[in-house]
Amino acid sequence: MKVILLGDVASLGRKGDIVDVAEGYGRNFLVPRNLAQEASKGALAVLGEQKKAKERREAQALADAHDLARRIETSRLSVKARAGGNGKLFGAVTNADVAAAIAAAVAVPIDKHKVEIKSQIKSLGSYPVEVKLHKSVVAKATVDVIAS
């Protein structure tokens, strides 16, 4: 019996997979628990459309991430912080500060967890940062820390 999995099943596969199972296992266990549905022509057509829609959404998300990465890399980012006379900051510049600077520069909110700073920023100057926008898109930018 061929079934389409409606959810992840540990021993069979992931959601959307088409698998061949024993007749009793499919009818008595998988289908009543809404873990699978029988693979009819209509169900296969719906599955195909869902996969195409998912691919379109992923392609659009990737294109948006590339566009945002280009905008971040071309913009000038600056963070104002309180500093002493020798250029040392009172505290440090955090991921949230950098995310706020990016949001101000490109008018798109960025989650602070997506901003990666290689080392702590504790003095005035320019520092490289990376922003993970997608699993395959990383924007590299330079943040200028200036005294307020």
N, C-alpha and C. Protein backbone atom coordinates (compact mmCIF):
# COMPACT_ATOMS: atom_id res chain seq x y z
N MET A 1 0.85 -1.18 0.00
CA MET A 1 0.00 0.00 0.00
C MET A 1 0.90 1.24 0.00
N LYS A 2 0.63 2.17 -0.91
CA LYS A 2 1.39 3.42 -0.96
C LYS A 2 0.63 4.49 -0.18
N VAL A 3 1.37 5.21 0.68
CA VAL A 3 0.78 6.28 1.48
C VAL A 3 1.65 7.53 1.40
N ILE A 4 1.02 8.66 1.64
CA ILE A 4 1.73 9.94 1.73
C ILE A 4 1.78 10.29 3.20
N LEU A 5 2.96 10.52 3.72
CA LEU A 5 3.11 10.85 5.14
C LEU A 5 2.66 12.29 5.39
N LEU A 6 1.81 12.46 6.39
CA LEU A 6 1.31 13.78 6.76
C LEU A 6 2.12 14.41 7.88
N GLY A 7 3.00 13.64 8.46
CA GLY A 7 3.89 14.11 9.52
C GLY A 7 5.13 13.24 9.52
N ASP A 8 6.14 13.62 10.29
CA ASP A 8 7.35 12.83 10.38
C ASP A 8 7.06 11.55 11.17
N VAL A 9 7.42 10.42 10.59
CA VAL A 9 7.28 9.12 11.26
C VAL A 9 8.68 8.55 11.37
N ALA A 10 9.11 8.23 12.58
CA ALA A 10 10.50 7.87 12.86
C ALA A 10 11.01 6.75 11.96
N SER A 11 10.27 5.71 11.78
CA SER A 11 10.79 4.55 11.05
C SER A 11 10.52 4.61 9.55
N LEU A 12 9.71 5.58 9.10
CA LEU A 12 9.34 5.62 7.68
C LEU A 12 9.93 6.78 6.90
N GLY A 13 9.77 7.99 7.40
CA GLY A 13 10.27 9.13 6.65
C GLY A 13 9.72 10.44 7.17
N ARG A 14 9.85 11.46 6.33
CA ARG A 14 9.46 12.81 6.72
C ARG A 14 8.13 13.18 6.06
N LYS A 15 7.57 14.29 6.49
CA LYS A 15 6.31 14.78 5.97
C LYS A 15 6.41 14.97 4.45
N GLY A 16 5.41 14.48 3.73
CA GLY A 16 5.37 14.64 2.29
C GLY A 16 6.00 13.49 1.52
N ASP A 17 6.67 12.57 2.20
CA ASP A 17 7.28 11.42 1.52
C ASP A 17 6.20 10.43 1.10
N ILE A 18 6.42 9.78 -0.01
CA ILE A 18 5.54 8.71 -0.47
C ILE A 18 6.26 7.40 -0.17
N VAL A 19 5.65 6.55 0.67
CA VAL A 19 6.29 5.31 1.08
C VAL A 19 5.35 4.14 0.86
N ASP A 20 5.92 2.98 0.74
CA ASP A 20 5.17 1.74 0.57
C ASP A 20 5.18 1.01 1.91
N VAL A 21 3.99 0.75 2.48
CA VAL A 21 3.88 0.08 3.77
C VAL A 21 2.94 -1.11 3.64
N ALA A 22 2.96 -1.94 4.65
CA ALA A 22 2.04 -3.08 4.68
C ALA A 22 0.61 -2.57 4.78
N GLU A 23 -0.32 -3.31 4.17
CA GLU A 23 -1.73 -2.92 4.13
C GLU A 23 -2.30 -2.68 5.53
N GLY A 24 -2.06 -3.58 6.46
CA GLY A 24 -2.60 -3.47 7.81
C GLY A 24 -1.98 -2.30 8.57
N TYR A 25 -0.70 -2.10 8.40
CA TYR A 25 -0.01 -0.99 9.09
C TYR A 25 -0.57 0.34 8.62
N GLY A 26 -0.81 0.46 7.33
CA GLY A 26 -1.35 1.69 6.79
C GLY A 26 -2.78 1.94 7.23
N ARG A 27 -3.66 0.95 7.07
CA ARG A 27 -5.08 1.13 7.37
C ARG A 27 -5.38 1.17 8.87
N ASN A 28 -4.65 0.39 9.67
CA ASN A 28 -4.98 0.28 11.09
C ASN A 28 -4.18 1.20 12.00
N PHE A 29 -3.03 1.68 11.53
CA PHE A 29 -2.20 2.51 12.40
C PHE A 29 -2.00 3.93 11.84
N LEU A 30 -1.45 4.02 10.64
CA LEU A 30 -1.07 5.34 10.11
C LEU A 30 -2.26 6.22 9.77
N VAL A 31 -3.23 5.70 9.03
CA VAL A 31 -4.36 6.51 8.59
C VAL A 31 -5.26 6.94 9.76
N PRO A 32 -5.63 6.06 10.70
CA PRO A 32 -6.48 6.52 11.81
C PRO A 32 -5.82 7.57 12.70
N ARG A 33 -4.50 7.56 12.80
CA ARG A 33 -3.80 8.53 13.63
C ARG A 33 -3.40 9.79 12.86
N ASN A 34 -3.89 9.92 11.64
CA ASN A 34 -3.58 11.05 10.76
C ASN A 34 -2.09 11.25 10.55
N LEU A 35 -1.36 10.15 10.49
CA LEU A 35 0.07 10.21 10.17
C LEU A 35 0.30 10.05 8.67
N ALA A 36 -0.72 9.50 7.96
CA ALA A 36 -0.58 9.27 6.53
C ALA A 36 -1.96 9.26 5.89
N GLN A 37 -1.95 9.42 4.57
CA GLN A 37 -3.17 9.24 3.80
C GLN A 37 -2.84 8.39 2.58
N GLU A 38 -3.86 7.72 2.07
CA GLU A 38 -3.63 6.84 0.94
C GLU A 38 -3.21 7.66 -0.28
N ALA A 39 -2.27 7.14 -1.04
CA ALA A 39 -1.71 7.87 -2.18
C ALA A 39 -2.59 7.68 -3.42
N SER A 40 -3.67 8.44 -3.49
CA SER A 40 -4.54 8.40 -4.67
C SER A 40 -4.04 9.43 -5.68
N LYS A 41 -4.63 9.43 -6.88
CA LYS A 41 -4.21 10.40 -7.90
C LYS A 41 -4.42 11.83 -7.43
N GLY A 42 -5.57 12.08 -6.80
CA GLY A 42 -5.86 13.43 -6.31
C GLY A 42 -4.90 13.87 -5.23
N ALA A 43 -4.59 12.95 -4.30
CA ALA A 43 -3.67 13.28 -3.21
C ALA A 43 -2.27 13.54 -3.74
N LEU A 44 -1.86 12.78 -4.76
CA LEU A 44 -0.54 12.99 -5.35
C LEU A 44 -0.49 14.33 -6.08
N ALA A 45 -1.59 14.73 -6.73
CA ALA A 45 -1.63 16.02 -7.41
C ALA A 45 -1.54 17.16 -6.40
N VAL A 46 -2.26 17.04 -5.29
CA VAL A 46 -2.21 18.07 -4.23
C VAL A 46 -0.80 18.16 -3.66
N LEU A 47 -0.16 17.00 -3.43
CA LEU A 47 1.20 16.97 -2.91
C LEU A 47 2.17 17.66 -3.87
N GLY A 48 2.00 17.41 -5.15
CA GLY A 48 2.85 18.05 -6.16
C GLY A 48 2.70 19.56 -6.15
N GLU A 49 1.46 20.04 -6.03
CA GLU A 49 1.22 21.48 -5.97
C GLU A 49 1.82 22.09 -4.70
N GLN A 50 1.69 21.38 -3.58
CA GLN A 50 2.27 21.88 -2.33
C GLN A 50 3.79 21.98 -2.43
N LYS A 51 4.42 20.99 -3.05
CA LYS A 51 5.88 21.02 -3.20
C LYS A 51 6.31 22.18 -4.11
N LYS A 52 5.56 22.41 -5.19
CA LYS A 52 5.88 23.53 -6.08
C LYS A 52 5.73 24.87 -5.36
N ALA A 53 4.67 25.00 -4.56
CA ALA A 53 4.45 26.24 -3.81
C ALA A 53 5.56 26.45 -2.79
N LYS A 54 5.99 25.38 -2.14
CA LYS A 54 7.07 25.48 -1.16
C LYS A 54 8.37 25.91 -1.84
N GLU A 55 8.66 25.34 -3.01
CA GLU A 55 9.87 25.72 -3.75
C GLU A 55 9.82 27.18 -4.16
N ARG A 56 8.62 27.66 -4.58
CA ARG A 56 8.49 29.08 -4.96
C ARG A 56 8.73 29.98 -3.75
N ARG A 57 8.16 29.60 -2.59
CA ARG A 57 8.36 30.41 -1.38
C ARG A 57 9.83 30.44 -0.98
N GLU A 58 10.51 29.28 -1.07
CA GLU A 58 11.93 29.24 -0.71
C GLU A 58 12.77 30.06 -1.68
N ALA A 59 12.44 30.00 -2.96
CA ALA A 59 13.18 30.80 -3.95
C ALA A 59 12.97 32.29 -3.71
N GLN A 60 11.75 32.68 -3.36
CA GLN A 60 11.46 34.09 -3.07
C GLN A 60 12.19 34.54 -1.81
N ALA A 61 12.21 33.69 -0.78
CA ALA A 61 12.93 34.03 0.46
C ALA A 61 14.42 34.19 0.19
N LEU A 62 14.98 33.33 -0.66
CA LEU A 62 16.40 33.42 -1.00
C LEU A 62 16.69 34.71 -1.77
N ALA A 63 15.82 35.06 -2.71
CA ALA A 63 16.01 36.28 -3.49
C ALA A 63 15.90 37.51 -2.58
N ASP A 64 14.94 37.49 -1.65
CA ASP A 64 14.81 38.60 -0.70
C ASP A 64 16.04 38.72 0.19
N ALA A 65 16.58 37.58 0.61
CA ALA A 65 17.78 37.58 1.46
C ALA A 65 18.98 38.14 0.70
N HIS A 66 19.13 37.78 -0.57
CA HIS A 66 20.23 38.33 -1.38
C HIS A 66 20.08 39.84 -1.55
N ASP A 67 18.86 40.30 -1.78
CA ASP A 67 18.61 41.73 -1.94
C ASP A 67 18.93 42.48 -0.64
N LEU A 68 18.47 41.94 0.48
CA LEU A 68 18.74 42.57 1.77
C LEU A 68 20.24 42.56 2.08
N ALA A 69 20.93 41.47 1.74
CA ALA A 69 22.38 41.40 1.96
C ALA A 69 23.10 42.48 1.15
N ARG A 70 22.68 42.69 -0.08
CA ARG A 70 23.29 43.73 -0.91
C ARG A 70 23.06 45.10 -0.29
N ARG A 71 21.84 45.33 0.20
CA ARG A 71 21.53 46.63 0.83
C ARG A 71 22.34 46.84 2.11
N ILE A 72 22.51 45.79 2.90
CA ILE A 72 23.28 45.91 4.15
C ILE A 72 24.75 46.18 3.85
N GLU A 73 25.30 45.45 2.86
CA GLU A 73 26.72 45.58 2.55
C GLU A 73 27.05 46.94 1.95
N THR A 74 26.11 47.58 1.27
CA THR A 74 26.40 48.88 0.66
C THR A 74 26.09 50.05 1.59
N SER A 75 25.39 49.80 2.68
CA SER A 75 25.05 50.90 3.59
C SER A 75 26.16 51.11 4.61
N ARG A 76 26.20 52.33 5.13
CA ARG A 76 27.20 52.70 6.14
C ARG A 76 26.54 52.55 7.51
N LEU A 77 27.09 51.71 8.36
CA LEU A 77 26.52 51.45 9.67
C LEU A 77 27.34 52.15 10.74
N SER A 78 26.66 52.85 11.63
CA SER A 78 27.38 53.50 12.73
C SER A 78 26.58 53.33 14.01
N VAL A 79 27.31 53.15 15.10
CA VAL A 79 26.72 52.99 16.42
C VAL A 79 27.35 54.03 17.33
N LYS A 80 26.51 54.78 18.03
CA LYS A 80 27.01 55.76 18.99
C LYS A 80 27.09 55.11 20.36
N ALA A 81 28.21 55.34 21.05
CA ALA A 81 28.39 54.78 22.38
C ALA A 81 29.17 55.78 23.24
N ARG A 82 28.95 55.71 24.53
CA ARG A 82 29.68 56.58 25.45
C ARG A 82 31.10 56.05 25.58
N ALA A 83 32.06 56.96 25.48
CA ALA A 83 33.46 56.56 25.54
C ALA A 83 34.24 57.52 26.44
N GLY A 84 35.35 56.99 26.98
CA GLY A 84 36.25 57.81 27.79
C GLY A 84 37.22 58.55 26.89
N GLY A 85 38.12 59.28 27.53
CA GLY A 85 39.09 60.09 26.80
C GLY A 85 40.07 59.27 25.97
N ASN A 86 40.35 58.04 26.36
CA ASN A 86 41.32 57.22 25.63
C ASN A 86 40.68 56.35 24.56
N GLY A 87 39.40 56.53 24.27
CA GLY A 87 38.74 55.75 23.22
C GLY A 87 38.10 54.47 23.70
N LYS A 88 38.22 54.17 24.97
CA LYS A 88 37.58 52.97 25.53
C LYS A 88 36.11 53.27 25.79
N LEU A 89 35.26 52.30 25.53
CA LEU A 89 33.83 52.47 25.75
C LEU A 89 33.47 52.15 27.19
N PHE A 90 32.40 52.78 27.66
CA PHE A 90 31.82 52.42 28.95
C PHE A 90 30.85 51.28 28.66
N GLY A 91 31.29 50.05 28.80
CA GLY A 91 30.48 48.90 28.42
C GLY A 91 30.98 48.36 27.09
N ALA A 92 30.06 47.81 26.29
CA ALA A 92 30.43 47.25 25.00
C ALA A 92 29.28 47.43 24.02
N VAL A 93 29.60 47.34 22.74
CA VAL A 93 28.58 47.37 21.70
C VAL A 93 28.10 45.93 21.51
N THR A 94 26.80 45.72 21.61
CA THR A 94 26.25 44.37 21.55
C THR A 94 25.61 44.08 20.20
N ASN A 95 25.19 42.84 20.04
CA ASN A 95 24.49 42.44 18.81
C ASN A 95 23.21 43.25 18.63
N ALA A 96 22.53 43.55 19.73
CA ALA A 96 21.29 44.33 19.65
C ALA A 96 21.56 45.74 19.14
N ASP A 97 22.67 46.34 19.56
CA ASP A 97 23.03 47.68 19.08
C ASP A 97 23.29 47.66 17.57
N VAL A 98 24.02 46.63 17.13
CA VAL A 98 24.32 46.51 15.69
C VAL A 98 23.04 46.24 14.91
N ALA A 99 22.16 45.38 15.44
CA ALA A 99 20.89 45.10 14.76
C ALA A 99 20.04 46.35 14.64
N ALA A 100 20.05 47.19 15.67
CA ALA A 100 19.31 48.46 15.61
C ALA A 100 19.91 49.39 14.56
N ALA A 101 21.23 49.41 14.45
CA ALA A 101 21.89 50.25 13.44
C ALA A 101 21.54 49.77 12.03
N ILE A 102 21.51 48.45 11.85
CA ILE A 102 21.15 47.90 10.54
C ILE A 102 19.70 48.23 10.22
N ALA A 103 18.82 48.08 11.20
CA ALA A 103 17.40 48.38 10.98
C ALA A 103 17.21 49.85 10.62
N ALA A 104 17.97 50.73 11.24
CA ALA A 104 17.87 52.15 10.91
C ALA A 104 18.41 52.44 9.51
N ALA A 105 19.45 51.72 9.09
CA ALA A 105 20.08 51.99 7.80
C ALA A 105 19.25 51.45 6.63
N VAL A 106 18.66 50.27 6.77
CA VAL A 106 17.96 49.65 5.64
C VAL A 106 16.45 49.58 5.83
N ALA A 107 15.94 50.05 6.96
CA ALA A 107 14.50 50.09 7.25
C ALA A 107 13.86 48.70 7.26
N VAL A 108 14.63 47.70 7.66
CA VAL A 108 14.11 46.34 7.82
C VAL A 108 14.58 45.83 9.17
N PRO A 109 13.67 45.38 10.03
CA PRO A 109 14.12 44.89 11.34
C PRO A 109 14.94 43.60 11.20
N ILE A 110 16.02 43.53 11.97
CA ILE A 110 16.91 42.37 11.96
C ILE A 110 16.93 41.80 13.38
N ASP A 111 16.81 40.49 13.49
CA ASP A 111 16.88 39.84 14.80
C ASP A 111 18.32 39.89 15.31
N LYS A 112 18.48 40.24 16.59
CA LYS A 112 19.83 40.37 17.15
C LYS A 112 20.58 39.05 17.15
N HIS A 113 19.88 37.94 17.13
CA HIS A 113 20.55 36.63 17.13
C HIS A 113 21.18 36.30 15.77
N LYS A 114 20.78 37.03 14.73
CA LYS A 114 21.36 36.80 13.41
C LYS A 114 22.63 37.60 13.18
N VAL A 115 22.93 38.52 14.08
CA VAL A 115 24.14 39.34 13.98
C VAL A 115 25.27 38.64 14.71
N GLU A 116 26.39 38.49 14.02
CA GLU A 116 27.54 37.82 14.62
C GLU A 116 28.74 38.77 14.64
N ILE A 117 29.24 39.01 15.84
CA ILE A 117 30.41 39.87 16.03
C ILE A 117 31.56 38.95 16.41
N LYS A 118 32.67 39.04 15.70
CA LYS A 118 33.79 38.14 15.94
C LYS A 118 34.40 38.31 17.33
N SER A 119 34.63 39.55 17.73
CA SER A 119 35.18 39.81 19.06
C SER A 119 34.42 40.96 19.69
N GLN A 120 34.49 41.08 20.98
CA GLN A 120 33.76 42.14 21.66
C GLN A 120 34.24 43.51 21.20
N ILE A 121 33.29 44.41 21.08
CA ILE A 121 33.60 45.78 20.67
C ILE A 121 33.63 46.63 21.93
N LYS A 122 34.85 47.02 22.35
CA LYS A 122 35.00 47.77 23.60
C LYS A 122 35.75 49.09 23.41
N SER A 123 36.00 49.45 22.14
CA SER A 123 36.65 50.73 21.90
C SER A 123 36.14 51.33 20.59
N LEU A 124 36.45 52.60 20.36
CA LEU A 124 36.01 53.28 19.16
C LEU A 124 36.75 52.72 17.95
N GLY A 125 36.11 52.79 16.78
CA GLY A 125 36.75 52.32 15.56
C GLY A 125 35.78 51.60 14.65
N SER A 126 36.33 50.90 13.65
CA SER A 126 35.52 50.15 12.69
C SER A 126 35.72 48.66 12.95
N TYR A 127 34.61 47.92 12.90
CA TYR A 127 34.64 46.48 13.19
C TYR A 127 33.81 45.72 12.17
N PRO A 128 34.30 44.55 11.74
CA PRO A 128 33.52 43.74 10.80
C PRO A 128 32.45 42.95 11.55
N VAL A 129 31.28 42.84 10.94
CA VAL A 129 30.20 42.02 11.49
C VAL A 129 29.59 41.19 10.35
N GLU A 130 28.96 40.09 10.72
CA GLU A 130 28.27 39.25 9.76
C GLU A 130 26.81 39.13 10.19
N VAL A 131 25.93 39.15 9.20
CA VAL A 131 24.50 39.00 9.47
C VAL A 131 24.00 37.79 8.68
N LYS A 132 23.50 36.80 9.39
CA LYS A 132 22.98 35.59 8.74
C LYS A 132 21.52 35.82 8.38
N LEU A 133 21.26 36.01 7.10
CA LEU A 133 19.92 36.32 6.63
C LEU A 133 19.16 35.09 6.16
N HIS A 134 19.87 34.08 5.74
CA HIS A 134 19.29 32.84 5.22
C HIS A 134 20.32 31.77 5.48
N LYS A 135 19.95 30.52 5.36
CA LYS A 135 20.93 29.48 5.64
C LYS A 135 22.11 29.50 4.68
N SER A 136 21.95 30.13 3.51
CA SER A 136 23.06 30.21 2.56
C SER A 136 23.47 31.64 2.24
N VAL A 137 22.91 32.63 2.93
CA VAL A 137 23.23 34.03 2.65
C VAL A 137 23.74 34.71 3.92
N VAL A 138 24.96 35.22 3.85
CA VAL A 138 25.55 35.95 4.97
C VAL A 138 26.02 37.29 4.44
N ALA A 139 25.54 38.36 5.07
CA ALA A 139 25.95 39.71 4.68
C ALA A 139 27.10 40.14 5.58
N LYS A 140 28.15 40.67 4.96
CA LYS A 140 29.30 41.16 5.72
C LYS A 140 29.30 42.68 5.64
N ALA A 141 29.41 43.32 6.79
CA ALA A 141 29.38 44.77 6.84
C ALA A 141 30.41 45.26 7.86
N THR A 142 30.63 46.55 7.82
CA THR A 142 31.54 47.19 8.77
C THR A 142 30.74 48.17 9.61
N VAL A 143 30.91 48.08 10.93
CA VAL A 143 30.23 48.97 11.85
C VAL A 143 31.24 49.97 12.40
N ASP A 144 30.93 51.24 12.29
CA ASP A 144 31.77 52.28 12.86
C ASP A 144 31.22 52.63 14.24
N VAL A 145 32.05 52.54 15.25
CA VAL A 145 31.66 52.92 16.60
C VAL A 145 32.20 54.32 16.83
N ILE A 146 31.29 55.26 17.10
CA ILE A 146 31.67 56.64 17.30
C ILE A 146 31.23 57.10 18.70
N ALA A 147 31.92 58.08 19.22
CA ALA A 147 31.61 58.60 20.55
C ALA A 147 30.35 59.45 20.50
N SER A 148 29.53 59.34 21.54
CA SER A 148 28.30 60.13 21.57
C SER A 148 28.50 61.38 22.42
